[in-house]
Protein backbone atom coordinates (compact mmCIF):
# COMPACT_ATOMS: atom_id res chain seq x y z
CA UNK A 1 -0.11 0.22 -0.02
CA UNK A 2 1.62 3.66 -1.06
CA UNK A 3 1.12 6.41 0.88
CA UNK A 4 -1.55 8.17 -0.98
CA UNK A 5 -3.67 4.87 -0.15
CA UNK A 6 -3.37 5.14 3.32
CA UNK A 7 -5.66 7.92 3.65
CA UNK A 8 -9.01 7.08 2.36
CA UNK A 9 -12.40 7.27 2.64
CA UNK A 10 -14.34 4.54 4.36
CA UNK A 11 -17.64 3.16 3.97
CA UNK A 12 -19.92 1.79 7.02
CA UNK A 13 -23.26 0.24 6.01
CA UNK A 14 -24.99 2.98 3.80
CA UNK A 15 -22.72 5.71 5.38
CA UNK A 16 -19.65 7.41 3.57
CA UNK A 17 -17.01 8.58 5.72
CA UNK A 18 -14.49 11.44 3.80
CA UNK A 19 -11.11 9.65 5.69
CA UNK A 20 -10.20 7.40 8.09
CA UNK A 21 -8.75 8.89 11.24
CA UNK A 22 -11.45 8.64 14.08
CA UNK A 23 -11.77 9.73 17.52
CA UNK A 24 -12.73 7.10 19.87
CA UNK A 25 -15.34 7.36 22.40
CA UNK A 26 -13.84 8.24 25.88
CA UNK A 27 -16.25 8.55 29.10
CA UNK A 28 -15.07 11.92 30.35
CA UNK A 29 -13.64 13.07 27.52
CA UNK A 30 -15.46 13.36 24.42
CA UNK A 31 -17.93 15.55 25.11
CA UNK A 32 -19.22 18.26 22.61
CA UNK A 33 -16.62 20.92 23.11
CA UNK A 34 -13.75 18.23 22.60
CA UNK A 35 -15.39 16.37 19.63
CA UNK A 36 -16.00 19.91 18.23
CA UNK A 37 -12.34 20.67 18.50
CA UNK A 38 -10.90 17.30 16.82
CA UNK A 39 -13.29 17.98 14.43
CA UNK A 40 -12.17 21.63 13.54
CA UNK A 41 -8.25 19.71 13.87
CA UNK A 42 -8.95 17.06 11.03
CA UNK A 43 -10.92 14.31 12.71
CA UNK A 44 -12.94 12.32 10.10
CA UNK A 45 -15.40 11.20 12.51
CA UNK A 46 -16.75 10.94 16.43
CA UNK A 47 -18.13 9.11 18.73
CA UNK A 48 -20.05 10.03 21.80
CA UNK A 49 -18.97 9.10 25.24
CA UNK A 50 -20.84 6.13 26.12
CA UNK A 51 -24.29 6.04 26.61
CA UNK A 52 -26.40 3.81 29.38
CA UNK A 53 -29.34 2.09 27.14
CA UNK A 54 -31.00 1.32 30.36
CA UNK A 55 -30.27 4.99 31.39
CA UNK A 56 -31.76 6.25 27.69
CA UNK A 57 -34.61 3.87 28.27
CA UNK A 58 -35.46 5.56 31.17
CA UNK A 59 -35.28 9.01 29.63
CA UNK A 60 -32.49 10.32 31.87
CA UNK A 61 -31.87 13.67 31.11
CA UNK A 62 -27.97 13.59 32.04
CA UNK A 63 -28.02 10.39 29.42
CA UNK A 64 -29.97 12.39 26.85
CA UNK A 65 -27.66 15.04 26.97
CA UNK A 66 -24.52 13.08 25.99
CA UNK A 67 -26.04 12.45 22.70
CA UNK A 68 -26.53 15.92 21.54
CA UNK A 69 -24.53 16.70 18.39
CA UNK A 70 -21.84 19.46 17.90
CA UNK A 71 -22.66 22.11 15.63
CA UNK A 72 -20.11 21.14 13.37
CA UNK A 73 -20.58 17.64 13.52
CA UNK A 74 -22.33 16.48 10.18
CA UNK A 75 -21.63 12.81 10.90
CA UNK A 76 -20.99 11.00 14.44
CA UNK A 77 -21.70 7.86 16.21
CA UNK A 78 -23.82 7.25 19.52
CA UNK A 79 -21.99 4.90 21.44
CA UNK A 80 -24.14 2.54 23.29
CA UNK A 81 -23.34 0.24 26.22
CA UNK A 82 -25.78 -2.63 28.07
CA UNK A 83 -25.37 -6.18 29.43
CA UNK A 84 -28.56 -7.56 27.75
CA UNK A 85 -31.34 -6.28 25.12
CA UNK A 86 -34.19 -5.86 27.82
CA UNK A 87 -34.29 -2.33 27.62
CA UNK A 88 -32.78 -1.83 24.31
CA UNK A 89 -35.82 -1.47 22.03
CA UNK A 90 -37.32 1.26 24.30
CA UNK A 91 -33.46 2.80 24.30
CA UNK A 92 -33.81 3.34 20.61
CA UNK A 93 -37.05 4.80 20.73
CA UNK A 94 -35.14 7.66 22.74
CA UNK A 95 -32.19 7.56 20.46
CA UNK A 96 -34.21 8.04 17.31
CA UNK A 97 -34.53 11.80 17.45
CA UNK A 98 -30.78 12.36 17.59
CA UNK A 99 -30.53 10.69 14.12
CA UNK A 100 -26.91 9.46 14.68
CA UNK A 101 -25.05 7.97 11.32
CA UNK A 102 -23.87 4.92 13.09
CA UNK A 103 -24.52 3.31 16.53
CA UNK A 104 -21.71 1.85 18.11
CA UNK A 105 -21.82 -0.66 20.89
CA UNK A 106 -18.91 -0.99 23.44
CA UNK A 107 -17.84 -4.29 24.49
CA UNK A 108 -14.51 -2.95 25.58
CA UNK A 109 -14.34 -0.74 28.45
CA UNK A 110 -12.78 -2.40 31.22
CA UNK A 111 -13.49 -0.13 34.24
CA UNK A 112 -15.16 -2.46 36.94
CA UNK A 113 -18.23 -0.65 37.38
CA UNK A 114 -19.14 -1.20 34.12
CA UNK A 115 -18.29 -4.78 33.74
CA UNK A 116 -19.52 -5.82 36.85
CA UNK A 117 -22.63 -5.37 35.47
CA UNK A 118 -21.92 -7.73 32.58
CA UNK A 119 -21.53 -4.51 30.11
CA UNK A 120 -18.42 -3.31 28.17
CA UNK A 121 -15.91 -5.84 28.03
CA UNK A 122 -17.44 -8.27 29.88
CA UNK A 123 -19.64 -8.90 26.94
CA UNK A 124 -17.19 -10.83 25.35
CA UNK A 125 -17.70 -13.59 27.93
CA UNK A 126 -20.86 -14.23 26.08
CA UNK A 127 -20.39 -13.79 22.23
CA UNK A 128 -24.09 -14.95 21.54
CA UNK A 129 -25.34 -11.55 23.54
CA UNK A 130 -23.74 -9.27 20.77
CA UNK A 131 -25.52 -11.50 18.06
CA UNK A 132 -28.75 -10.35 19.67
CA UNK A 133 -27.84 -6.80 20.49
CA UNK A 134 -26.81 -5.99 16.82
CA UNK A 135 -29.55 -8.00 15.62
CA UNK A 136 -32.17 -5.75 17.50
CA UNK A 137 -30.97 -2.71 16.65
CA UNK A 138 -30.78 -3.81 12.46
CA UNK A 139 -34.27 -4.94 12.91
CA UNK A 140 -35.50 -1.73 14.30
CA UNK A 141 -33.31 0.78 12.91
CA UNK A 142 -32.30 1.68 9.38
CA UNK A 143 -28.91 2.69 10.85
CA UNK A 144 -25.25 0.75 10.42
CA UNK A 145 -24.11 -0.84 13.50
CA UNK A 146 -20.52 -1.13 14.36
CA UNK A 147 -18.70 -2.99 17.35
CA UNK A 148 -15.65 -1.72 19.84
CA UNK A 149 -14.33 -4.78 21.36
CA UNK A 150 -10.79 -6.18 22.79
CA UNK A 151 -9.17 -9.53 22.16
CA UNK A 152 -10.68 -11.08 25.21
CA UNK A 153 -11.68 -10.82 28.58
CA UNK A 154 -7.86 -12.00 29.88
CA UNK A 155 -4.94 -13.96 28.09
CA UNK A 156 -6.57 -17.51 28.80
CA UNK A 157 -9.50 -16.31 26.82
CA UNK A 158 -8.58 -14.58 23.76
CA UNK A 159 -11.78 -15.08 21.70
CA UNK A 160 -11.67 -11.79 19.55
CA UNK A 161 -12.26 -13.87 16.26
CA UNK A 162 -15.16 -15.77 17.52
CA UNK A 163 -16.49 -12.37 19.02
CA UNK A 164 -16.44 -10.58 15.56
CA UNK A 165 -18.18 -13.85 13.80
CA UNK A 166 -20.78 -13.27 16.31
CA UNK A 167 -21.21 -9.39 15.84
CA UNK A 168 -20.75 -9.89 12.10
CA UNK A 169 -23.66 -12.43 12.41
CA UNK A 170 -25.96 -10.04 14.00
CA UNK A 171 -25.21 -7.70 10.87
CA UNK A 172 -22.51 -5.36 12.37
CA UNK A 173 -21.55 -3.17 9.65
CA UNK A 174 -17.59 -2.27 10.74
CA UNK A 175 -15.70 -3.68 13.69
CA UNK A 176 -13.19 -1.92 15.82
CA UNK A 177 -10.54 -3.59 18.27
CA UNK A 178 -8.36 -2.55 20.73
CA UNK A 179 -5.80 -4.94 20.51
CA UNK A 180 -5.71 -5.41 24.29
CA UNK A 181 -7.63 -8.03 26.80
CA UNK A 182 -9.54 -6.54 29.41
CA UNK A 183 -7.49 -7.67 32.32
CA UNK A 184 -4.60 -5.70 30.60
CA UNK A 185 -6.61 -2.48 31.13
CA UNK A 186 -4.24 0.28 29.38
CA UNK A 187 -0.94 -1.06 30.24
CA UNK A 188 1.78 -1.62 27.26
CA UNK A 189 1.69 -2.68 25.18
CA UNK A 190 -0.98 -3.61 22.69
CA UNK A 191 -0.46 -6.37 20.36
CA UNK A 192 -1.38 -5.00 16.91
CA UNK A 193 -0.95 -8.69 15.29
CA UNK A 194 -4.44 -8.98 16.46
CA UNK A 195 -5.45 -6.70 14.27
CA UNK A 196 -4.03 -8.00 11.30
CA UNK A 197 -5.44 -11.57 12.47
CA UNK A 198 -9.05 -9.69 12.41
CA UNK A 199 -8.72 -7.91 9.35
CA UNK A 200 -7.22 -11.08 7.57
CA UNK A 201 -10.12 -12.95 8.63
CA UNK A 202 -12.94 -10.45 7.33
CA UNK A 203 -11.06 -11.29 4.10
CA UNK A 204 -11.18 -14.84 4.02
CA UNK A 205 -14.64 -14.90 4.78
CA UNK A 206 -15.90 -12.29 2.56
CA UNK A 207 -16.80 -9.92 5.01
CA UNK A 208 -16.83 -6.42 3.30
CA UNK A 209 -16.93 -4.28 6.55
CA UNK A 210 -14.17 -2.07 7.57
CA UNK A 211 -11.73 -3.34 10.60
CA UNK A 212 -10.33 -0.08 12.60
CA UNK A 213 -7.60 -0.53 15.13
CA UNK A 214 -7.25 1.13 18.33
CA UNK A 215 -4.47 1.16 21.18
CA UNK A 216 -1.15 2.62 21.92
CA UNK A 217 -1.58 5.37 19.01
CA UNK A 218 0.20 8.37 20.63
CA UNK A 219 1.77 9.94 17.55
CA UNK A 220 0.78 10.26 13.98
CA UNK A 221 3.77 8.04 13.07
CA UNK A 222 1.78 5.10 15.00
CA UNK A 223 -1.16 5.38 12.75
CA UNK A 224 0.69 5.18 9.68
CA UNK A 225 2.72 2.17 11.42
CA UNK A 226 -0.46 0.56 12.46
CA UNK A 227 -2.10 0.84 8.91
CA UNK A 228 0.79 -0.49 7.31
CA UNK A 229 1.75 -3.32 9.54
CA UNK A 230 -1.81 -4.48 9.88
CA UNK A 231 -3.68 -3.70 6.94
CA UNK A 232 -6.38 -1.81 8.91
CA UNK A 233 -8.80 0.47 7.24
CA UNK A 234 -8.32 3.40 9.66
CA UNK A 235 -7.60 4.24 13.03
CA UNK A 236 -9.33 5.00 16.28
CA UNK A 237 -7.48 7.65 18.50
CA UNK A 238 -7.97 7.41 22.30
CA UNK A 239 -6.00 8.61 24.81
CA UNK A 240 -3.35 9.80 22.33
CA UNK A 241 -5.66 12.78 21.19
CA UNK A 242 -6.27 13.89 24.86
CA UNK A 243 -4.39 17.20 25.31
CA UNK A 244 -3.28 16.50 21.44
CA UNK A 245 -5.98 17.23 18.87
CA UNK A 246 -2.83 17.93 16.61
CA UNK A 247 -2.34 14.42 16.03
CA UNK A 248 -5.32 14.31 13.34
CA UNK A 249 -3.99 17.01 11.19
CA UNK A 250 -0.50 15.34 11.63
CA UNK A 251 -1.68 12.01 10.73
CA UNK A 252 -3.34 13.06 7.94
CA UNK A 253 -0.35 14.83 6.24
CA UNK A 254 1.85 11.49 7.16
CA UNK A 255 -0.55 9.30 5.57
CA UNK A 256 -0.66 11.67 2.38
CA UNK A 257 3.03 11.56 2.27
CA UNK A 258 3.18 15.39 3.10
CA UNK A 259 5.11 17.16 5.51
CA UNK A 260 3.90 16.95 8.99
CA UNK A 261 3.86 20.21 11.06
CA UNK A 262 5.72 20.60 13.98
CA UNK A 263 3.51 21.90 17.26
CA UNK A 264 4.65 25.11 18.89
CA UNK A 265 3.80 26.32 22.21
CA UNK A 266 1.83 28.97 20.34
CA UNK A 267 -0.39 26.49 18.86
CA UNK A 268 -0.85 24.91 22.10
CA UNK A 269 -2.12 28.09 23.90
CA UNK A 270 -4.73 28.80 20.98
CA UNK A 271 -5.83 25.46 21.37
CA UNK A 272 -5.99 25.48 24.78
CA UNK A 273 -8.22 28.78 24.74
CA UNK A 274 -10.19 27.57 22.07
CA UNK A 275 -11.04 24.42 23.90
CA UNK A 276 -11.96 26.45 26.90
CA UNK A 277 -14.33 28.66 24.70
CA UNK A 278 -16.08 25.76 23.34
CA UNK A 279 -16.54 24.62 26.94
CA UNK A 280 -17.87 27.78 28.07
CA UNK A 281 -19.99 27.76 25.23
CA UNK A 282 -21.63 24.51 26.63
CA UNK A 283 -21.43 24.34 30.09
CA UNK A 284 -20.77 27.78 30.99
CA UNK A 285 -18.01 29.52 32.55
CA UNK A 286 -17.61 28.18 36.19
CA UNK A 287 -18.16 24.32 35.26
CA UNK A 288 -16.13 24.89 31.72
CA UNK A 289 -13.06 26.29 33.85
CA UNK A 290 -13.18 23.06 36.25
CA UNK A 291 -13.45 20.73 33.46
CA UNK A 292 -10.56 22.44 31.63
CA UNK A 293 -8.08 21.46 34.17
CA UNK A 294 -7.12 17.96 33.19
CA UNK A 295 -7.33 18.97 29.56
CA UNK A 296 -4.91 21.84 30.26
CA UNK A 297 -2.47 19.69 31.90
CA UNK A 298 -2.73 16.84 29.19
CA UNK A 299 -1.93 19.48 26.55
CA UNK A 300 1.20 20.86 28.75
CA UNK A 301 2.10 16.99 29.12
CA UNK A 302 6.28 17.23 28.48
CA UNK A 303 6.68 20.62 28.01
CA UNK A 304 9.43 21.81 29.67
CA UNK A 305 8.96 24.48 32.67
CA UNK A 306 5.42 24.35 32.50
CA UNK A 307 4.64 23.36 36.16
CA UNK A 308 3.61 27.12 37.66
CA UNK A 309 1.46 27.22 34.32
CA UNK A 310 -0.11 23.86 35.76
CA UNK A 311 -0.36 24.93 39.33
CA UNK A 312 -2.13 27.83 38.41
CA UNK A 313 -4.49 26.45 35.95
CA UNK A 314 -5.69 24.07 38.89
CA UNK A 315 -6.82 27.64 40.70
CA UNK A 316 -8.83 29.13 37.95
CA UNK A 317 -12.40 29.65 37.92
CA UNK A 318 -12.82 32.30 35.05
CA UNK A 319 -11.13 32.68 31.50
CA UNK A 320 -9.36 35.34 32.54
CA UNK A 321 -7.65 33.50 35.04
CA UNK A 322 -6.87 30.59 32.27
CA UNK A 323 -5.48 33.71 30.06
CA UNK A 324 -3.26 35.05 32.89
CA UNK A 325 -2.01 31.69 34.01
CA UNK A 326 -1.18 30.58 30.04
CA UNK A 327 0.47 34.01 29.33
CA UNK A 328 3.99 32.43 29.60
CA UNK A 329 3.49 29.62 27.45
CA UNK A 330 4.13 31.84 24.47
CA UNK A 331 7.06 33.31 25.95
CA UNK A 332 8.80 30.06 26.60
């Protein structure tokens, strides 16, 4: 595959997406402001934070808010998690007005409070359940379904190919594999050979569905390497995009054989304030300033001599506090 083919459109069911660089769903991070910023920075497709199907069926206001679309979000996926199909049809009724382009099913979250209910990566213990979930959605709605999962529950039960087949049996239109087991959490290192195995499995069994890769994508070079080494159709940036929305434009340039722009301190400064302003528009100044603290520390990670800035930001409760705290950044 030459460099011109590394970046390309992808087809998920009846939905065509302009490129193959996605922002992964991340609880506590992929809210409207962050998704909006990543789209501005070059993300081709975005996912909401994970939404509880059970909470959705009860019409919880906070659950509904998670599904709102960003103003510049022309295409997006709503990610659902559940442990059974009991409340799924009711949940879909609440989801319909939001008209997502794709519904994604979370079968990868390793957090105990999710898995102990049988949701997230715990679903991998019963592959037949994902067949039922995907089939229920495809029977009810004319919206493509994608499934995001891990290589298995633990090293002794790596069943990602069996699980992928179960998702495809239900009618899944795309597969995303986070190349770690649930027990590995986010520890190094993701096993990209499993991505190659999944892609090859789909080819050999003549499934015309895209396969996306996730895991250890912290730089644009990682995206290029993953696509070249594994043959996946695209990549899904997760933690690598936190405090680093620049990764989308950098990866796009690299995949197209163009020169990659180096990120300056001034660019970080401008991105932080842009992110904060989007936060303020969505949540109001006080809440935005609190929520933005963790993001700011991520933007400044690895940047020398920024400890005083981080310390000041932790106290910030107004936008002007941020501008004051960040002003040394352009002079460093």
